[in-house]
N, C-alpha and C. Protein backbone atom coordinates (compact mmCIF):
# COMPACT_ATOMS: atom_id res chain seq x y z
N MET A 1 -24.35 -49.62 9.75
CA MET A 1 -23.01 -49.72 10.04
C MET A 1 -22.35 -48.53 9.06
N THR A 2 -21.53 -47.78 9.87
CA THR A 2 -20.65 -47.05 8.40
C THR A 2 -19.21 -46.96 9.29
N ASP A 3 -18.52 -46.77 8.11
CA ASP A 3 -17.10 -47.07 7.94
C ASP A 3 -16.40 -46.02 8.70
N THR A 4 -15.73 -45.94 10.28
CA THR A 4 -15.44 -44.62 10.69
C THR A 4 -13.65 -44.36 10.56
N GLU A 5 -13.42 -45.40 9.74
CA GLU A 5 -11.82 -45.33 9.19
C GLU A 5 -11.60 -44.25 7.94
N ARG A 6 -10.51 -43.30 8.53
CA ARG A 6 -10.45 -42.13 7.28
C ARG A 6 -9.73 -42.89 6.37
N THR A 7 -10.12 -42.16 4.99
CA THR A 7 -9.96 -42.47 3.39
C THR A 7 -8.48 -41.58 3.32
N PRO A 8 -7.80 -42.23 3.04
CA PRO A 8 -6.50 -41.35 2.71
C PRO A 8 -6.58 -40.25 1.80
N ALA A 9 -5.89 -39.13 1.58
CA ALA A 9 -6.05 -37.70 1.07
C ALA A 9 -5.59 -37.96 -0.40
N VAL A 10 -6.16 -37.42 -1.35
CA VAL A 10 -5.75 -37.34 -2.64
C VAL A 10 -5.64 -35.91 -3.36
N GLY A 11 -4.90 -35.79 -4.53
CA GLY A 11 -5.19 -34.51 -5.27
C GLY A 11 -4.57 -33.53 -4.24
N ALA A 12 -5.44 -32.53 -4.56
CA ALA A 12 -5.01 -31.29 -3.99
C ALA A 12 -4.84 -31.21 -2.28
N GLN A 13 -5.79 -32.13 -1.57
CA GLN A 13 -5.86 -32.21 -0.29
C GLN A 13 -4.49 -32.81 0.06
N ALA A 14 -3.89 -33.95 -0.72
CA ALA A 14 -2.65 -34.44 -0.24
C ALA A 14 -1.57 -33.32 -0.23
N ALA A 15 -1.52 -32.80 -1.59
CA ALA A 15 -0.42 -31.79 -1.72
C ALA A 15 -0.36 -30.92 -0.73
N TYR A 16 -2.02 -30.33 -0.14
CA TYR A 16 -1.56 -29.03 1.13
C TYR A 16 -1.50 -29.94 2.31
N MET A 17 -1.50 -31.51 2.75
CA MET A 17 -1.49 -32.08 4.04
C MET A 17 -0.02 -32.27 4.03
N GLU A 18 0.56 -32.38 2.56
CA GLU A 18 2.20 -32.79 2.61
C GLU A 18 2.88 -31.71 2.87
N GLN A 19 2.62 -30.45 2.80
CA GLN A 19 3.62 -29.15 3.19
C GLN A 19 3.79 -29.01 4.23
N PRO A 20 5.30 -28.80 4.56
CA PRO A 20 5.63 -28.74 5.73
C PRO A 20 5.11 -27.46 6.55
N ARG A 21 4.79 -27.27 7.30
CA ARG A 21 4.08 -25.99 8.15
C ARG A 21 5.20 -25.60 8.99
N SER A 22 5.60 -24.05 8.65
CA SER A 22 6.45 -23.39 9.83
C SER A 22 6.21 -22.35 10.07
N TYR A 23 4.85 -22.29 10.73
CA TYR A 23 4.32 -20.86 11.21
C TYR A 23 5.37 -19.98 12.59
N GLY A 24 5.20 -18.88 12.24
CA GLY A 24 5.97 -17.83 12.91
C GLY A 24 7.47 -18.04 12.41
N SER A 25 8.04 -18.64 11.02
CA SER A 25 9.51 -18.35 10.77
C SER A 25 9.67 -16.89 10.31
N ASP A 26 10.67 -16.85 9.79
CA ASP A 26 11.24 -15.79 8.87
C ASP A 26 10.46 -15.64 7.55
N VAL A 27 10.10 -16.51 6.98
CA VAL A 27 9.20 -16.69 5.37
C VAL A 27 8.11 -16.04 5.81
N ASP A 28 7.47 -16.56 6.69
CA ASP A 28 5.96 -16.27 6.93
C ASP A 28 5.77 -14.76 7.17
N ASP A 29 6.64 -14.39 8.07
CA ASP A 29 6.57 -12.88 8.54
C ASP A 29 7.00 -12.08 6.84
N TRP A 30 8.12 -12.47 6.18
CA TRP A 30 8.42 -11.73 5.14
C TRP A 30 7.10 -11.56 4.45
N SER A 31 6.67 -12.76 3.96
CA SER A 31 5.59 -12.56 2.97
C SER A 31 3.97 -11.83 3.57
N GLY A 32 4.03 -12.12 5.06
CA GLY A 32 2.89 -11.47 5.16
C GLY A 32 3.31 -9.82 5.69
N TRP A 33 4.08 -9.49 5.41
CA TRP A 33 4.77 -8.05 5.65
C TRP A 33 4.39 -7.62 4.32
N ILE A 34 5.14 -8.32 3.45
CA ILE A 34 5.01 -7.63 1.89
C ILE A 34 3.44 -7.82 1.07
N SER A 35 2.65 -8.63 1.74
CA SER A 35 1.59 -8.98 1.20
C SER A 35 0.85 -7.20 1.44
N PHE A 36 0.92 -7.18 3.26
CA PHE A 36 0.20 -6.08 4.01
C PHE A 36 1.03 -4.70 2.85
N ALA A 37 1.89 -4.88 2.99
CA ALA A 37 2.52 -3.62 1.97
C ALA A 37 1.56 -3.38 0.81
N GLY A 38 1.77 -4.39 -0.16
CA GLY A 38 1.15 -4.20 -1.60
C GLY A 38 -0.21 -3.89 -1.40
N ILE A 39 -0.86 -4.42 -0.50
CA ILE A 39 -2.41 -4.34 -0.38
C ILE A 39 -2.62 -2.73 0.34
N MET A 40 -1.71 -2.08 0.96
CA MET A 40 -1.64 -0.87 1.68
C MET A 40 -1.18 0.19 0.86
N MET A 41 -0.51 -0.32 -0.24
CA MET A 41 -0.04 0.68 -1.36
C MET A 41 -1.32 0.78 -2.41
N ILE A 42 -1.99 -0.44 -2.94
CA ILE A 42 -3.02 0.01 -3.33
C ILE A 42 -3.91 0.57 -2.87
N MET A 43 -4.21 0.44 -1.80
CA MET A 43 -5.03 1.45 -1.09
C MET A 43 -4.86 3.00 -1.20
N LEU A 44 -3.52 2.93 -0.64
CA LEU A 44 -2.82 4.17 -0.92
C LEU A 44 -3.02 4.72 -2.40
N GLY A 45 -2.81 3.85 -3.14
CA GLY A 45 -2.82 4.76 -4.91
C GLY A 45 -4.28 5.36 -4.67
N GLY A 46 -5.31 4.56 -4.16
CA GLY A 46 -6.77 4.60 -4.54
C GLY A 46 -7.02 6.20 -3.50
N PHE A 47 -6.30 6.19 -2.34
CA PHE A 47 -6.63 7.37 -1.68
C PHE A 47 -6.25 8.81 -2.33
N GLN A 48 -5.07 8.57 -2.78
CA GLN A 48 -4.25 9.69 -3.77
C GLN A 48 -5.17 9.70 -5.08
N ILE A 49 -5.46 9.21 -5.71
CA ILE A 49 -6.40 9.01 -7.04
C ILE A 49 -7.58 10.05 -6.29
N ILE A 50 -8.28 9.72 -5.41
CA ILE A 50 -9.53 10.10 -5.08
C ILE A 50 -9.05 11.77 -4.82
N GLU A 51 -8.27 11.84 -4.12
CA GLU A 51 -7.78 13.05 -3.34
C GLU A 51 -7.03 14.19 -4.72
N GLY A 52 -6.95 13.38 -5.86
CA GLY A 52 -6.58 14.16 -6.92
C GLY A 52 -7.34 14.62 -7.76
N LEU A 53 -8.64 13.57 -7.98
CA LEU A 53 -9.77 14.11 -8.38
C LEU A 53 -10.66 15.05 -7.79
N VAL A 54 -10.92 14.98 -6.67
CA VAL A 54 -11.41 15.96 -5.79
C VAL A 54 -10.97 17.42 -6.01
N ALA A 55 -9.69 17.35 -6.01
CA ALA A 55 -8.96 18.47 -6.03
C ALA A 55 -9.45 19.38 -7.36
N ILE A 56 -9.14 18.45 -8.60
CA ILE A 56 -9.04 18.86 -9.87
C ILE A 56 -10.78 19.40 -10.01
N LEU A 57 -11.80 18.73 -9.60
CA LEU A 57 -12.97 18.55 -10.08
C LEU A 57 -13.94 19.72 -9.35
N ARG A 58 -13.55 19.47 -7.80
CA ARG A 58 -14.34 20.41 -6.96
C ARG A 58 -13.51 21.07 -5.90
N PRO A 59 -13.19 21.99 -6.66
CA PRO A 59 -11.81 22.83 -5.74
C PRO A 59 -12.28 23.47 -4.34
N ALA A 60 -13.34 23.67 -4.45
CA ALA A 60 -14.33 24.67 -3.45
C ALA A 60 -14.70 23.45 -2.38
N TYR A 61 -14.33 22.39 -2.56
CA TYR A 61 -14.70 21.46 -1.27
C TYR A 61 -13.80 21.29 -0.10
N TYR A 62 -12.59 21.99 -0.18
CA TYR A 62 -11.45 21.94 0.74
C TYR A 62 -11.60 23.24 2.04
N LEU A 63 -11.35 22.91 2.94
CA LEU A 63 -11.39 23.96 4.10
C LEU A 63 -10.93 25.79 3.95
N ILE A 64 -9.76 25.80 3.11
CA ILE A 64 -9.28 27.08 2.98
C ILE A 64 -9.16 27.14 1.33
N GLY A 65 -9.11 28.25 0.72
CA GLY A 65 -8.58 28.39 -0.42
C GLY A 65 -6.66 28.05 -0.60
N ASP A 66 -6.36 28.07 -1.86
CA ASP A 66 -5.58 27.33 -2.05
C ASP A 66 -4.25 28.47 -1.49
N ALA A 67 -4.56 29.70 -1.53
CA ALA A 67 -3.61 30.75 -0.79
C ALA A 67 -2.92 30.29 0.32
N GLY A 68 -4.09 29.89 1.20
CA GLY A 68 -3.76 29.24 2.61
C GLY A 68 -2.75 28.10 2.82
N LEU A 69 -2.44 27.40 1.51
CA LEU A 69 -1.74 26.05 1.82
C LEU A 69 -0.09 26.60 2.06
N VAL A 70 0.68 25.34 2.32
CA VAL A 70 1.92 25.50 2.79
C VAL A 70 2.56 26.22 1.59
N VAL A 71 2.48 25.28 0.45
CA VAL A 71 2.93 25.69 -0.73
C VAL A 71 1.82 26.14 -1.87
N SER A 72 1.75 27.59 -1.88
CA SER A 72 0.67 27.90 -2.13
C SER A 72 0.75 27.88 -4.01
N VAL A 73 -0.29 26.69 -4.61
CA VAL A 73 -0.12 26.19 -5.67
C VAL A 73 -1.88 26.02 -5.68
N SER A 74 -2.39 26.33 -7.16
CA SER A 74 -3.60 26.00 -7.36
C SER A 74 -4.20 24.56 -6.78
N TYR A 75 -5.26 24.50 -6.60
CA TYR A 75 -5.78 22.87 -6.25
C TYR A 75 -5.81 22.24 -7.49
N THR A 76 -5.71 23.10 -8.53
CA THR A 76 -5.66 21.86 -10.13
C THR A 76 -4.24 21.17 -10.11
N GLY A 77 -3.73 22.09 -9.80
CA GLY A 77 -1.95 21.62 -9.98
C GLY A 77 -2.01 20.58 -8.76
N TRP A 78 -2.43 21.03 -7.51
CA TRP A 78 -2.24 19.60 -6.49
C TRP A 78 -3.14 18.55 -6.82
N GLY A 79 -3.80 18.96 -7.28
CA GLY A 79 -4.76 17.62 -8.14
C GLY A 79 -3.95 16.67 -8.66
N TRP A 80 -3.39 17.37 -10.03
CA TRP A 80 -2.66 16.65 -10.80
C TRP A 80 -1.63 15.87 -10.07
N PHE A 81 -0.77 16.60 -9.15
CA PHE A 81 0.29 15.74 -8.47
C PHE A 81 -0.23 14.71 -7.69
N HIS A 82 -1.21 14.73 -6.95
CA HIS A 82 -1.66 13.80 -6.37
C HIS A 82 -2.45 12.51 -7.11
N LEU A 83 -3.18 13.14 -8.22
CA LEU A 83 -3.50 12.03 -9.16
C LEU A 83 -2.21 11.11 -9.68
N LEU A 84 -1.45 11.75 -10.35
CA LEU A 84 -0.02 10.97 -10.53
C LEU A 84 0.30 10.31 -9.56
N LEU A 85 0.56 10.67 -8.54
CA LEU A 85 1.68 9.94 -7.63
C LEU A 85 0.47 8.94 -7.20
N GLY A 86 -0.64 8.76 -7.40
CA GLY A 86 -1.81 7.97 -7.00
C GLY A 86 -1.60 6.53 -8.07
N VAL A 87 -1.21 7.06 -9.29
CA VAL A 87 -1.20 5.98 -10.22
C VAL A 87 0.21 5.38 -10.17
N LEU A 88 1.07 6.04 -9.87
CA LEU A 88 2.39 5.31 -9.40
C LEU A 88 2.60 4.48 -8.26
N VAL A 89 1.63 4.73 -7.30
CA VAL A 89 1.67 4.24 -6.00
C VAL A 89 0.91 2.65 -6.25
N LEU A 90 -0.13 3.31 -6.89
CA LEU A 90 -1.09 1.76 -7.49
C LEU A 90 -0.31 0.69 -7.91
N ALA A 91 0.35 1.26 -9.35
CA ALA A 91 1.42 0.56 -10.19
C ALA A 91 2.44 -0.39 -9.29
N ALA A 92 3.07 0.71 -8.38
CA ALA A 92 3.99 -0.08 -7.53
C ALA A 92 3.75 -0.92 -6.65
N GLY A 93 2.31 -0.72 -5.93
CA GLY A 93 1.64 -1.82 -5.10
C GLY A 93 1.18 -3.24 -6.16
N PHE A 94 0.93 -2.95 -7.34
CA PHE A 94 0.80 -4.13 -8.08
C PHE A 94 2.15 -5.24 -8.22
N GLY A 95 3.27 -4.23 -8.30
CA GLY A 95 4.43 -4.95 -8.39
C GLY A 95 5.33 -5.37 -7.06
N VAL A 96 4.67 -4.80 -6.09
CA VAL A 96 5.13 -5.44 -4.80
C VAL A 96 4.48 -6.59 -4.32
N MET A 97 3.17 -6.49 -4.85
CA MET A 97 2.00 -8.11 -4.97
C MET A 97 2.67 -8.94 -5.81
N ALA A 98 3.52 -8.63 -6.95
CA ALA A 98 3.99 -9.74 -7.92
C ALA A 98 5.23 -10.05 -7.39
N GLY A 99 5.68 -9.24 -6.42
CA GLY A 99 7.25 -9.80 -5.51
C GLY A 99 8.25 -9.22 -6.48
N LYS A 100 7.92 -8.16 -6.59
CA LYS A 100 9.26 -7.32 -7.78
C LYS A 100 10.24 -6.59 -6.55
N THR A 101 11.37 -6.57 -6.81
CA THR A 101 12.36 -5.97 -5.63
C THR A 101 12.02 -4.55 -6.25
N TRP A 102 12.21 -3.96 -7.31
CA TRP A 102 12.15 -2.64 -7.61
C TRP A 102 10.77 -2.02 -7.00
N ALA A 103 9.93 -2.51 -6.84
CA ALA A 103 8.44 -2.17 -6.75
C ALA A 103 8.46 -1.86 -5.22
N ARG A 104 9.61 -2.50 -4.23
CA ARG A 104 9.47 -2.37 -2.92
C ARG A 104 10.38 -1.28 -3.03
N ILE A 105 11.70 -0.72 -3.46
CA ILE A 105 12.25 0.31 -3.45
C ILE A 105 11.42 1.63 -4.03
N VAL A 106 10.61 1.69 -5.13
CA VAL A 106 10.09 2.69 -5.23
C VAL A 106 8.76 2.86 -4.55
N GLY A 107 8.32 1.91 -3.65
CA GLY A 107 6.92 1.90 -2.95
C GLY A 107 7.68 2.88 -1.48
N ILE A 108 8.86 2.44 -1.30
CA ILE A 108 9.40 3.46 0.20
C ILE A 108 9.34 4.81 -0.48
N VAL A 109 10.05 5.04 -1.87
CA VAL A 109 10.40 6.54 -1.95
C VAL A 109 9.08 7.00 -1.96
N LEU A 110 7.92 6.62 -2.80
CA LEU A 110 6.48 7.24 -3.18
C LEU A 110 5.85 7.26 -1.74
N ALA A 111 5.95 6.34 -0.98
CA ALA A 111 5.44 6.56 0.45
C ALA A 111 5.92 7.98 1.51
N VAL A 112 7.58 8.18 1.17
CA VAL A 112 7.99 9.07 1.75
C VAL A 112 7.33 10.60 0.94
N VAL A 113 7.07 10.57 -0.39
CA VAL A 113 6.97 11.68 -1.08
C VAL A 113 5.68 12.01 -1.03
N SER A 114 4.59 10.92 -0.97
CA SER A 114 3.17 11.14 -0.21
C SER A 114 3.07 11.54 1.10
N ALA A 115 4.04 11.06 1.96
CA ALA A 115 3.86 11.81 3.40
C ALA A 115 4.09 12.89 3.46
N LEU A 116 5.02 13.35 2.45
CA LEU A 116 5.61 14.79 2.64
C LEU A 116 4.32 15.58 1.50
N ALA A 117 3.99 15.39 0.92
CA ALA A 117 3.00 16.51 -0.20
C ALA A 117 1.67 16.27 1.12
N ASN A 118 1.79 15.14 1.59
CA ASN A 118 0.14 15.03 2.29
C ASN A 118 0.51 16.20 4.09
N LEU A 119 1.89 16.17 4.22
CA LEU A 119 1.69 17.37 5.26
C LEU A 119 1.65 18.75 4.66
N LEU A 120 2.37 18.79 3.56
CA LEU A 120 2.07 20.16 2.84
C LEU A 120 0.51 20.48 2.94
N PHE A 121 -0.30 19.49 2.37
CA PHE A 121 -1.59 19.72 2.11
C PHE A 121 -2.34 19.77 3.16
N ILE A 122 -2.06 19.64 4.28
CA ILE A 122 -2.62 19.24 5.70
C ILE A 122 -3.74 20.22 5.71
N ALA A 123 -3.29 21.58 5.63
CA ALA A 123 -4.45 22.79 5.83
C ALA A 123 -5.64 22.41 5.06
N ALA A 124 -5.61 21.84 4.14
CA ALA A 124 -6.77 21.86 3.21
C ALA A 124 -8.03 20.71 3.50
N TYR A 125 -7.34 19.82 4.12
CA TYR A 125 -8.16 18.60 4.59
C TYR A 125 -7.50 17.60 5.61
N PRO A 126 -7.41 18.42 6.82
CA PRO A 126 -6.46 17.92 8.35
C PRO A 126 -6.81 16.35 8.11
N LEU A 127 -8.03 15.96 8.71
CA LEU A 127 -8.29 14.23 8.65
C LEU A 127 -7.72 13.14 7.94
N TRP A 128 -8.42 14.06 6.37
CA TRP A 128 -7.71 12.99 5.38
C TRP A 128 -6.27 12.85 5.19
N ALA A 129 -5.51 14.16 5.47
CA ALA A 129 -3.96 14.01 5.15
C ALA A 129 -3.25 13.38 6.10
N VAL A 130 -4.08 13.61 7.55
CA VAL A 130 -3.22 12.41 8.67
C VAL A 130 -3.85 11.05 8.38
N VAL A 131 -4.82 10.67 7.71
CA VAL A 131 -5.03 9.33 7.54
C VAL A 131 -4.09 8.91 6.58
N VAL A 132 -3.92 9.60 5.13
CA VAL A 132 -2.87 8.77 4.34
C VAL A 132 -1.68 9.16 4.64
N ILE A 133 -1.03 9.80 5.88
CA ILE A 133 0.07 9.72 6.27
C ILE A 133 0.02 8.41 7.17
N ALA A 134 -0.55 8.23 8.02
CA ALA A 134 -0.37 7.01 8.56
C ALA A 134 -0.43 6.08 7.83
N VAL A 135 -1.40 5.73 6.92
CA VAL A 135 -1.10 4.52 5.49
C VAL A 135 0.69 4.63 4.91
N ASP A 136 1.06 5.53 4.93
CA ASP A 136 2.36 5.85 4.25
C ASP A 136 3.46 5.37 5.38
N VAL A 137 3.23 6.01 6.46
CA VAL A 137 4.12 5.01 7.50
C VAL A 137 3.75 3.65 7.48
N ALA A 138 2.60 3.12 7.98
CA ALA A 138 2.57 1.72 7.95
C ALA A 138 3.19 1.27 6.46
N VAL A 139 3.33 1.72 5.28
CA VAL A 139 3.64 0.98 4.25
C VAL A 139 5.18 1.18 4.20
N ILE A 140 5.52 2.26 4.52
CA ILE A 140 7.19 2.35 4.89
C ILE A 140 8.01 0.99 5.76
N PHE A 141 6.81 1.09 6.96
CA PHE A 141 7.47 0.05 7.94
C PHE A 141 7.65 -1.29 7.24
N ALA A 142 6.07 -1.39 6.61
CA ALA A 142 6.38 -3.06 6.01
C ALA A 142 7.48 -3.26 4.96
N LEU A 143 7.31 -2.34 4.05
CA LEU A 143 8.47 -2.56 2.88
C LEU A 143 9.82 -2.52 3.77
N SER A 144 10.11 -1.69 4.89
CA SER A 144 11.56 -1.94 5.03
C SER A 144 11.97 -2.74 6.22
N SER A 145 10.58 -3.58 6.79
CA SER A 145 11.06 -4.19 7.74
C SER A 145 11.53 -5.60 7.60
N SER A 146 11.49 -6.32 6.34
CA SER A 146 11.88 -7.09 6.03
C SER A 146 13.00 -6.98 4.56
N SER A 147 13.61 -6.08 4.85
CA SER A 147 14.55 -5.50 3.63
C SER A 147 15.56 -6.59 3.72
N GLY A 148 16.36 -7.31 4.83
CA GLY A 148 17.21 -8.23 4.47
C GLY A 148 16.79 -9.65 4.45
N ARG A 149 15.73 -9.91 4.17
CA ARG A 149 15.10 -11.20 4.41
C ARG A 149 14.84 -11.77 2.85
N ARG A 150 15.01 -12.87 2.23
CA ARG A 150 14.88 -13.47 0.99
C ARG A 150 13.55 -13.78 0.90
N ALA A 151 13.31 -13.43 -0.55
CA ALA A 151 11.71 -14.28 -0.80
C ALA A 151 11.48 -15.58 -0.75
N PRO A 152 10.43 -16.14 -0.20
CA PRO A 152 10.20 -17.39 -0.33
C PRO A 152 10.33 -17.91 -1.53
N THR A 153 11.01 -19.42 -1.91
CA THR A 153 11.04 -19.93 -3.40
C THR A 153 10.10 -21.12 -3.23
N ALA A 154 9.30 -21.11 -4.27
CA ALA A 154 8.30 -22.46 -4.47
C ALA A 154 8.74 -23.15 -5.55
C-alpha cells in the first residue's frame, strides 16, 4: 500500500507556492514588455555589429557601390557607424535587462537612430535593412508602451 496523501511543500517549493498569482496584471505586462525590449535590443546590437563588420571588412558584399547610397559615405565610414551604434545598443539592452531607467530612454533614442540609419542604408542591402528597422520599431514600442507603469518591487 502506498500513501496517497500529499506532503506539505518545503523550501523553494513552498516559497513558490505561497507567492500570489496575478496573471494579466499591469506588473506582469510591464515586466514582459521590458524583458522583450531588452532581449530585442541585445539582438539588435548584434545585428548592427555584424552589419558594421561586414561593411568594414567586405565592402564589395553590398549590392551597390557607396556612391549609390542616399548619403554618399564610404562603406568603411558606414561600418564604423554601425559598429559603434551596435555596441551602444547592446550595452543599453543589458541596462534595460538590469532595470535601469536611463537605459530605456537611451534605448528609444538609439532605436530611432538605428531605424533612420538603416533607412539611409537601405539601398545597400534592402532585406537586411528592413529586418533591422522592424526590430527597431518593436523595441521602440516595447520600451514606450510601459512608460507610465512602475517597475515591480521585490
